[in-house]
Amino acid sequence: MESKLKALIVDDEEGARQLLKKLLDETHFFCDLKLAGSAASATKELKDFEPDMIFLDIRMPGKDGFDFLKEMVNRNGSPGVVFVTAYEQYALKAIKYQAFDYLLKPVNRKELRQCVQKYLAVKHPSYDQQYAQLQQSVQDKLKRIKVTTRTGTMFINPANILYCKADGNYTNIYSGGKEVLCSMNIGRIREMLPLHTFIRLGRSLILNIEHITLLDRKHCIVTLANQGDVVSVNIPRLHLKDLEMI
């Protein structure tokens, strides 16, 4: 694709800003993401920055999201404004303010991606078509991946992989009811897998989100299943929120 989108994230909670930035980074739609902790700082950012999209919290100290939106009326350009809030009751008001979309916290990965894709389809139809063609090309290439083992080479369908776990410079790949030790590091394996089907948790674990059937928050265990094959994997507690938003 020749170009990517720019976006401004406005939220008074640093954790929320960083998390949304991470989720938007994962979509690979954006080339520039700027963060603002208040309506005032967002206004300053817009002096030298023209985003395609603005992801805007509503309840913030000082000026809230609607106050900020009022000040934008006379600005040049018309970025797609997406309200991102924990409160459902502002949805009707958001429509009156002609918001492009309305997402509830915690933000769901799929809903966020659909929101951006909808923006592309409406504002940049040719761009959206390029992306669809690129994704199809990538998926065609990834029907099987080639991995090296200590004894040779294996060809694995990513759709059958439940998880991958680092073992030093090697990676254990669990697929088809068995675990295979691959002589490639987990970073290289992640590059070979479809971007939107697999999620990497920390340095040592990759999960196929299509096969997640249960998340045990108390014991930090995730259960994956595929065609009668069921496995449970321990996950770092700090990554529980990543999985809750799938």
Protein backbone atom coordinates (compact mmCIF):
# COMPACT_ATOMS: atom_id res chain seq x y z
CA MET A 1 0.00 0.00 0.00
CA GLU A 2 1.30 3.42 -0.89
CA SER A 3 0.22 5.20 2.29
CA LYS A 4 -1.19 4.61 5.73
CA LEU A 5 -3.42 6.49 8.12
CA LYS A 6 -2.61 8.94 10.89
CA ALA A 7 -4.56 9.08 14.13
CA LEU A 8 -4.77 11.02 17.38
CA ILE A 9 -5.72 9.21 20.61
CA VAL A 10 -7.26 11.46 23.29
CA ASP A 11 -7.78 9.95 26.75
CA ASP A 12 -6.92 11.21 30.22
CA GLU A 13 -5.85 7.72 31.38
CA GLU A 14 -2.33 6.84 30.28
CA GLY A 15 -3.01 3.11 30.42
CA ALA A 16 -6.00 3.49 28.13
CA ARG A 17 -3.99 5.59 25.67
CA GLN A 18 -1.14 3.10 25.52
CA LEU A 19 -3.45 0.12 25.18
CA LEU A 20 -5.40 1.69 22.33
CA LYS A 21 -2.13 2.63 20.63
CA LYS A 22 -1.01 -0.98 20.88
CA LEU A 23 -4.29 -2.25 19.39
CA LEU A 24 -4.12 0.23 16.53
CA ASP A 25 -0.48 -0.67 15.87
CA GLU A 26 -1.56 -4.29 15.55
CA THR A 27 -3.95 -3.43 12.71
CA HIS A 28 -1.02 -2.22 10.54
CA PHE A 29 -3.28 0.50 9.11
CA PHE A 30 -1.43 3.40 10.72
CA CYS A 31 1.91 5.08 10.11
CA ASP A 32 1.63 7.76 12.80
CA LEU A 33 -0.19 7.63 16.15
CA LYS A 34 -0.05 10.58 18.52
CA LEU A 35 -1.33 10.64 22.10
CA ALA A 36 -2.97 13.39 24.14
CA GLY A 37 -4.03 13.28 27.78
CA SER A 38 -6.62 16.06 27.61
CA ALA A 39 -8.70 18.13 25.22
CA ALA A 40 -6.27 21.02 25.67
CA SER A 41 -3.21 18.96 24.77
CA ALA A 42 -5.10 17.43 21.84
CA THR A 43 -5.82 20.91 20.50
CA LYS A 44 -2.10 21.69 20.67
CA GLU A 45 -1.28 18.48 18.78
CA LEU A 46 -3.68 19.45 16.00
CA LYS A 47 -1.76 22.64 15.27
CA ASP A 48 0.93 20.66 13.46
CA PHE A 49 -0.80 17.34 12.94
CA GLU A 50 -3.68 16.46 10.61
CA PRO A 51 -4.98 13.01 11.55
CA ASP A 52 -7.30 10.94 9.43
CA MET A 53 -8.99 9.63 12.58
CA ILE A 54 -9.39 10.78 16.18
CA PHE A 55 -10.12 8.26 18.92
CA LEU A 56 -11.73 10.35 21.64
CA ASP A 57 -12.65 9.64 25.25
CA ILE A 58 -15.72 11.46 26.59
CA ARG A 59 -15.32 11.92 30.33
CA MET A 60 -12.11 13.83 30.96
CA PRO A 61 -11.10 16.51 33.49
CA GLY A 62 -11.64 20.03 32.18
CA LYS A 63 -13.13 19.95 28.70
CA ASP A 64 -14.79 16.66 27.83
CA GLY A 65 -14.86 14.95 24.46
CA PHE A 66 -17.93 16.85 23.26
CA ASP A 67 -16.38 20.21 24.20
CA PHE A 68 -13.31 19.24 22.19
CA LEU A 69 -15.46 18.26 19.23
CA LYS A 70 -17.25 21.64 19.29
CA GLU A 71 -13.90 23.40 18.94
CA MET A 72 -13.04 21.29 15.92
CA VAL A 73 -16.07 22.39 13.88
CA ASN A 74 -14.27 25.27 12.19
CA ARG A 75 -11.06 23.40 11.54
CA ASN A 76 -9.92 22.48 8.04
CA GLY A 77 -10.38 18.87 7.13
CA SER A 78 -12.82 16.40 8.65
CA PRO A 79 -11.14 13.54 10.52
CA GLY A 80 -13.28 10.56 11.41
CA VAL A 81 -14.04 10.91 15.12
CA VAL A 82 -14.52 7.68 17.04
CA PHE A 83 -15.69 7.99 20.63
CA VAL A 84 -14.04 5.42 22.90
CA THR A 85 -15.73 5.33 26.28
CA ALA A 86 -16.93 3.07 29.08
CA TYR A 87 -20.38 4.69 29.06
CA GLU A 88 -23.22 3.61 26.78
CA GLN A 89 -25.51 6.56 27.56
CA TYR A 90 -23.65 9.01 25.31
CA ALA A 91 -24.24 7.07 22.09
CA LEU A 92 -27.25 9.15 20.98
CA LYS A 93 -25.43 12.40 21.69
CA ALA A 94 -22.44 11.12 19.74
CA ILE A 95 -24.71 10.59 16.72
CA LYS A 96 -25.92 14.19 16.99
CA TYR A 97 -22.30 15.30 16.93
CA GLN A 98 -21.85 13.25 13.75
CA ALA A 99 -19.26 10.95 15.27
CA PHE A 100 -18.02 8.35 12.82
CA ASP A 101 -18.28 5.49 15.33
CA TYR A 102 -18.75 4.69 19.01
CA LEU A 103 -16.71 1.99 20.78
CA LEU A 104 -17.15 0.79 24.33
CA LYS A 105 -14.27 0.03 26.68
CA PRO A 106 -12.68 -2.40 27.03
CA VAL A 107 -12.12 -2.10 23.30
CA ASN A 108 -12.63 -5.30 21.35
CA ARG A 109 -9.90 -6.00 18.76
CA LYS A 110 -12.33 -7.14 16.08
CA GLU A 111 -14.68 -4.20 16.59
CA LEU A 112 -11.76 -1.79 16.40
CA ARG A 113 -10.52 -3.32 13.17
CA GLN A 114 -14.03 -3.24 11.70
CA CYS A 115 -14.31 0.42 12.66
CA VAL A 116 -11.11 1.32 10.81
CA GLN A 117 -12.05 -0.79 7.82
CA LYS A 118 -15.43 0.96 7.69
CA TYR A 119 -13.64 4.31 7.72
CA LEU A 120 -11.44 3.21 4.84
CA ALA A 121 -14.42 1.94 2.86
CA VAL A 122 -16.23 5.27 3.26
CA LYS A 123 -13.36 7.77 3.05
CA HIS A 124 -10.73 5.94 1.01
CA PRO A 125 -12.42 3.19 -1.04
CA SER A 126 -9.38 2.67 -3.29
CA TYR A 127 -7.15 2.33 -0.23
CA ASP A 128 -9.51 -0.21 1.28
CA GLN A 129 -9.48 -2.21 -1.95
CA GLN A 130 -5.68 -2.23 -1.98
CA TYR A 131 -5.68 -3.55 1.56
CA ALA A 132 -8.17 -6.31 0.75
CA GLN A 133 -6.05 -7.40 -2.21
CA LEU A 134 -2.91 -7.37 -0.07
CA GLN A 135 -4.57 -9.43 2.66
CA GLN A 136 -5.78 -12.00 0.14
CA SER A 137 -2.28 -12.28 -1.28
CA VAL A 138 -0.83 -12.77 2.19
CA GLN A 139 -3.43 -15.39 3.09
CA ASP A 140 -2.75 -17.30 -0.12
CA LYS A 141 0.94 -17.44 0.73
CA LEU A 142 0.25 -18.55 4.28
CA LYS A 143 -1.88 -21.59 3.60
CA ARG A 144 1.15 -23.50 4.82
CA ILE A 145 4.33 -22.34 6.50
CA LYS A 146 7.70 -24.03 6.19
CA VAL A 147 9.61 -24.59 9.43
CA THR A 148 12.93 -26.27 10.04
CA THR A 149 13.45 -28.92 12.68
CA ARG A 150 16.52 -30.79 13.91
CA THR A 151 15.84 -33.55 11.41
CA GLY A 152 14.48 -31.70 8.39
CA THR A 153 11.63 -29.49 7.23
CA MET A 154 7.92 -29.46 8.05
CA PHE A 155 5.01 -27.77 6.27
CA ILE A 156 2.25 -26.70 8.67
CA ASN A 157 -1.15 -25.16 8.05
CA PRO A 158 -1.38 -22.14 10.41
CA ALA A 159 -5.10 -22.81 10.88
CA ASN A 160 -4.22 -26.03 12.72
CA ILE A 161 -1.74 -24.43 15.13
CA LEU A 162 -3.06 -23.92 18.66
CA TYR A 163 -0.03 -22.26 20.19
CA CYS A 164 3.71 -21.67 19.88
CA LYS A 165 6.04 -21.46 22.88
CA ALA A 166 9.63 -20.31 22.98
CA ASP A 167 12.35 -22.69 24.15
CA GLY A 168 15.52 -20.61 24.11
CA ASN A 169 16.38 -20.04 20.44
CA TYR A 170 13.93 -22.78 19.47
CA THR A 171 10.12 -22.86 19.36
CA ASN A 172 7.65 -25.57 20.27
CA ILE A 173 4.70 -25.56 17.87
CA TYR A 174 1.56 -27.38 19.00
CA SER A 175 -0.48 -28.53 16.01
CA GLY A 176 -2.51 -31.56 15.05
CA GLY A 177 -2.41 -33.07 18.53
CA LYS A 178 1.37 -33.02 18.86
CA GLU A 179 4.16 -30.64 19.77
CA VAL A 180 7.03 -30.12 17.34
CA LEU A 181 10.35 -28.53 18.28
CA CYS A 182 11.31 -26.07 15.57
CA SER A 183 14.87 -24.79 15.21
CA MET A 184 13.66 -21.20 14.63
CA ASN A 185 13.14 -18.51 17.27
CA ILE A 186 9.64 -17.39 18.19
CA GLY A 187 10.09 -13.96 16.59
CA ARG A 188 10.71 -15.56 13.20
CA ILE A 189 7.71 -17.85 13.65
CA ARG A 190 5.48 -14.85 14.46
CA GLU A 191 6.51 -13.19 11.20
CA MET A 192 5.33 -16.25 9.28
CA LEU A 193 1.89 -16.43 10.88
CA PRO A 194 -1.24 -14.47 9.82
CA LEU A 195 -1.32 -11.15 11.63
CA HIS A 196 -4.97 -11.19 12.58
CA THR A 197 -5.35 -14.78 13.74
CA PHE A 198 -2.44 -15.03 16.15
CA ILE A 199 -1.56 -12.94 19.18
CA ARG A 200 1.83 -12.83 20.85
CA LEU A 201 1.87 -12.59 24.65
CA GLY A 202 5.21 -11.37 25.94
CA ARG A 203 8.43 -12.87 24.65
CA SER A 204 7.58 -16.54 24.83
CA LEU A 205 4.02 -17.34 23.76
CA ILE A 206 1.86 -17.09 20.63
CA LEU A 207 -1.81 -18.14 20.65
CA ASN A 208 -4.23 -18.82 17.82
CA ILE A 209 -7.18 -16.65 18.91
CA GLU A 210 -9.57 -18.55 16.64
CA HIS A 211 -9.17 -21.64 18.85
CA ILE A 212 -9.51 -20.02 22.29
CA THR A 213 -12.53 -21.51 24.07
CA LEU A 214 -11.97 -20.58 27.73
CA LEU A 215 -10.05 -18.00 29.75
CA ASP A 216 -9.56 -18.80 33.44
CA ARG A 217 -8.65 -15.43 34.96
CA LYS A 218 -8.19 -16.81 38.48
CA HIS A 219 -5.55 -19.37 37.52
CA CYS A 220 -4.24 -17.54 34.42
CA ILE A 221 -4.97 -20.44 32.11
CA VAL A 222 -6.30 -20.33 28.57
CA THR A 223 -7.91 -23.36 26.90
CA LEU A 224 -7.70 -23.90 23.15
CA ALA A 225 -9.53 -26.50 21.09
CA ASN A 226 -9.53 -27.64 17.48
CA GLN A 227 -11.26 -30.69 16.02
CA GLY A 228 -11.37 -32.55 19.33
CA ASP A 229 -7.84 -31.56 20.31
CA VAL A 230 -7.95 -29.60 23.61
CA VAL A 231 -4.98 -28.06 25.44
CA SER A 232 -4.54 -25.66 28.36
CA VAL A 233 -1.72 -23.13 28.52
CA ASN A 234 -0.52 -20.94 31.39
CA ILE A 235 -0.31 -17.25 30.49
CA PRO A 236 1.34 -14.29 32.25
CA ARG A 237 -1.18 -12.46 34.44
CA LEU A 238 -0.22 -9.10 32.97
CA HIS A 239 -1.51 -10.27 29.56
CA LEU A 240 -5.01 -11.21 30.74
CA LYS A 241 -6.42 -7.92 29.46
CA ASP A 242 -5.01 -8.60 25.99
CA LEU A 243 -7.07 -11.77 25.77
CA GLU A 244 -10.22 -10.26 27.31
CA MET A 245 -10.45 -7.85 24.36
CA ILE A 246 -10.39 -10.53 21.65
